[in-house]
C-alpha atoms as a PDB file:
ATOM      1  CA  MET A   1       0.000   0.000   0.000  1.00  0.00           C
ATOM      2  CA  THR A   2       1.307   3.436  -0.844  1.00  0.00           C
ATOM      3  CA  LYS A   3       0.951   6.524   1.330  1.00  0.00           C
ATOM      4  CA  ALA A   4      -1.455   7.957  -1.256  1.00  0.00           C
ATOM      5  CA  GLU A   5      -3.620   4.835  -0.967  1.00  0.00           C
ATOM      6  CA  LEU A   6      -3.485   5.084   2.810  1.00  0.00           C
ATOM      7  CA  HIS A   7      -4.560   8.735   2.672  1.00  0.00           C
ATOM      8  CA  ARG A   8      -7.566   7.759   0.526  1.00  0.00           C
ATOM      9  CA  LEU A   9      -8.417   5.000   2.962  1.00  0.00           C
ATOM     10  CA  VAL A  10      -8.234   7.406   5.905  1.00  0.00           C
ATOM     11  CA  ASP A  11     -10.569   9.780   4.058  1.00  0.00           C
ATOM     12  CA  GLU A  12     -13.106   6.941   3.861  1.00  0.00           C
ATOM     13  CA  LEU A  13     -12.994   6.082   7.573  1.00  0.00           C
ATOM     14  CA  PRO A  14     -16.299   6.375   9.413  1.00  0.00           C
ATOM     15  CA  ASP A  15     -16.284   9.147  12.022  1.00  0.00           C
ATOM     16  CA  ASP A  16     -16.851   6.692  14.870  1.00  0.00           C
ATOM     17  CA  VAL A  17     -13.447   5.026  14.324  1.00  0.00           C
ATOM     18  CA  LEU A  18     -11.279   8.107  13.858  1.00  0.00           C
ATOM     19  CA  ALA A  19     -10.047   8.372  17.453  1.00  0.00           C
ATOM     20  CA  GLY A  20      -9.082   4.713  17.716  1.00  0.00           C
ATOM     21  CA  THR A  21      -7.430   4.705  14.317  1.00  0.00           C
ATOM     22  CA  ALA A  22      -5.481   7.873  15.081  1.00  0.00           C
ATOM     23  CA  ASP A  23      -4.310   6.441  18.404  1.00  0.00           C
ATOM     24  CA  LEU A  24      -3.140   3.226  16.757  1.00  0.00           C
ATOM     25  CA  LEU A  25      -1.306   5.033  13.940  1.00  0.00           C
ATOM     26  CA  GLN A  26       0.374   7.427  16.379  1.00  0.00           C
ATOM     27  CA  ARG A  27       1.606   4.532  18.494  1.00  0.00           C
ATOM     28  CA  VAL A  28       3.004   2.773  15.403  1.00  0.00           C
ATOM     29  CA  VAL A  29       4.746   5.976  14.231  1.00  0.00           C
ATOM     30  CA  ARG A  30       6.307   6.458  17.691  1.00  0.00           C
ATOM     31  CA  ARG A  31       7.419   2.788  17.536  1.00  0.00           C
ATOM     32  CA  GLU A  32       5.475   1.986  20.698  1.00  0.00           C
ATOM     33  CA  ILE A  33       3.850  -0.797  18.702  1.00  0.00           C
ATOM     34  CA  ASP A  34       5.623  -3.083  16.266  1.00  0.00           C
ATOM     35  CA  PRO A  35       3.856  -2.490  12.921  1.00  0.00           C
ATOM     36  CA  ALA A  36       3.698  -6.241  12.355  1.00  0.00           C
ATOM     37  CA  GLN A  37       1.759  -6.570  15.624  1.00  0.00           C
ATOM     38  CA  ALA A  38      -0.600  -3.600  15.194  1.00  0.00           C
ATOM     39  CA  TRP A  39      -3.604  -5.906  14.668  1.00  0.00           C
ATOM     40  CA  PHE A  40      -3.334  -6.964  18.322  1.00  0.00           C
ATOM     41  CA  TRP A  41      -3.946  -3.386  19.451  1.00  0.00           C
ATOM     42  CA  ALA A  42      -7.031  -2.816  17.304  1.00  0.00           C
ATOM     43  CA  HIS A  43     -10.095  -2.033  19.429  1.00  0.00           C
ATOM     44  CA  ALA A  44     -12.016  -5.086  18.199  1.00  0.00           C
ATOM     45  CA  TRP A  45      -9.130  -7.415  19.060  1.00  0.00           C
ATOM     46  CA  GLN A  46      -8.675  -5.797  22.464  1.00  0.00           C
ATOM     47  CA  ALA A  47     -12.410  -6.266  23.147  1.00  0.00           C
ATOM     48  CA  GLY A  48     -11.913  -9.975  22.491  1.00  0.00           C
ATOM     49  CA  GLU A  49      -8.905 -10.015  24.812  1.00  0.00           C
ATOM     50  CA  ARG A  50     -11.004  -8.420  27.581  1.00  0.00           C
ATOM     51  CA  GLU A  51     -13.761 -10.984  26.979  1.00  0.00           C
ATOM     52  CA  ALA A  52     -11.233 -13.822  27.237  1.00  0.00           C
ATOM     53  CA  ASP A  53      -9.795 -12.333  30.443  1.00  0.00           C
ATOM     54  CA  ALA A  54     -13.311 -12.143  31.911  1.00  0.00           C
ATOM     55  CA  ASP A  55     -13.931 -15.799  30.982  1.00  0.00           C
ATOM     56  CA  LEU A  56     -10.695 -16.805  32.694  1.00  0.00           C
ATOM     57  CA  ALA A  57     -11.528 -14.770  35.804  1.00  0.00           C
ATOM     58  CA  ALA A  58     -15.010 -16.350  35.975  1.00  0.00           C
ATOM     59  CA  GLY A  59     -13.604 -19.860  35.634  1.00  0.00           C
ATOM     60  CA  ARG A  60     -15.089 -20.435  32.182  1.00  0.00           C
ATOM     61  CA  MET A  61     -12.090 -22.377  30.949  1.00  0.00           C
ATOM     62  CA  ARG A  62     -10.601 -25.810  30.980  1.00  0.00           C
ATOM     63  CA  ARG A  63      -6.954 -26.886  30.999  1.00  0.00           C
ATOM     64  CA  PHE A  64      -5.687 -30.004  29.274  1.00  0.00           C
ATOM     65  CA  ASP A  65      -2.542 -31.999  29.930  1.00  0.00           C
ATOM     66  CA  GLY A  66      -1.820 -32.350  26.231  1.00  0.00           C
ATOM     67  CA  ASP A  67      -3.103 -32.383  22.702  1.00  0.00           C
ATOM     68  CA  ASP A  68      -4.747 -35.811  22.992  1.00  0.00           C
ATOM     69  CA  GLY A  69      -6.947 -34.793  25.915  1.00  0.00           C
ATOM     70  CA  PHE A  70      -7.902 -31.554  24.162  1.00  0.00           C
ATOM     71  CA  LEU A  71      -8.817 -33.355  20.928  1.00  0.00           C
ATOM     72  CA  GLU A  72     -10.831 -35.991  22.824  1.00  0.00           C
ATOM     73  CA  HIS A  73     -12.738 -33.198  24.547  1.00  0.00           C
ATOM     74  CA  LEU A  74     -13.486 -31.515  21.207  1.00  0.00           C
ATOM     75  CA  GLU A  75     -14.968 -34.752  19.882  1.00  0.00           C
ATOM     76  CA  ARG A  76     -17.394 -34.886  22.858  1.00  0.00           C
ATOM     77  CA  VAL A  77     -18.498 -31.232  22.717  1.00  0.00           C
ATOM     78  CA  PRO A  78     -21.585 -30.449  20.615  1.00  0.00           C
ATOM     79  CA  PRO A  79     -21.090 -27.864  17.871  1.00  0.00           C
ATOM     80  CA  PRO A  80     -21.874 -24.201  18.669  1.00  0.00           C
ATOM     81  CA  GLY A  81     -25.579 -23.492  18.451  1.00  0.00           C
ATOM     82  CA  ASP A  82     -26.520 -27.055  19.424  1.00  0.00           C
ATOM     83  CA  PRO A  83     -28.969 -26.890  22.358  1.00  0.00           C
ATOM     84  CA  ALA A  84     -26.859 -29.509  24.145  1.00  0.00           C
ATOM     85  CA  ALA A  85     -23.770 -27.298  23.950  1.00  0.00           C
ATOM     86  CA  ASP A  86     -22.372 -26.362  27.359  1.00  0.00           C
ATOM     87  CA  PRO A  87     -19.083 -24.424  27.342  1.00  0.00           C
ATOM     88  CA  ASN A  88     -18.207 -25.773  30.811  1.00  0.00           C
ATOM     89  CA  ARG A  89     -18.536 -29.441  29.906  1.00  0.00           C
END
């Protein structure tokens, strides 16, 4: 992507994302964030990180001793949307 293309893209940004986008770009320019890792700092990704942290804090998780136990568990868990699905199974 060229700077000209980036400028056009910025011109097309919805107003409700300007602040977050500006913050992210400023942090990349100041080298506070590795450009290759900028996706991690996007607001949507950070919202997912906070959701995962809340799940961990609430005990909505399960640890496995290895890959085999994890894969066996996956085979027993109903697919998402199945009424029998229980994330704590």
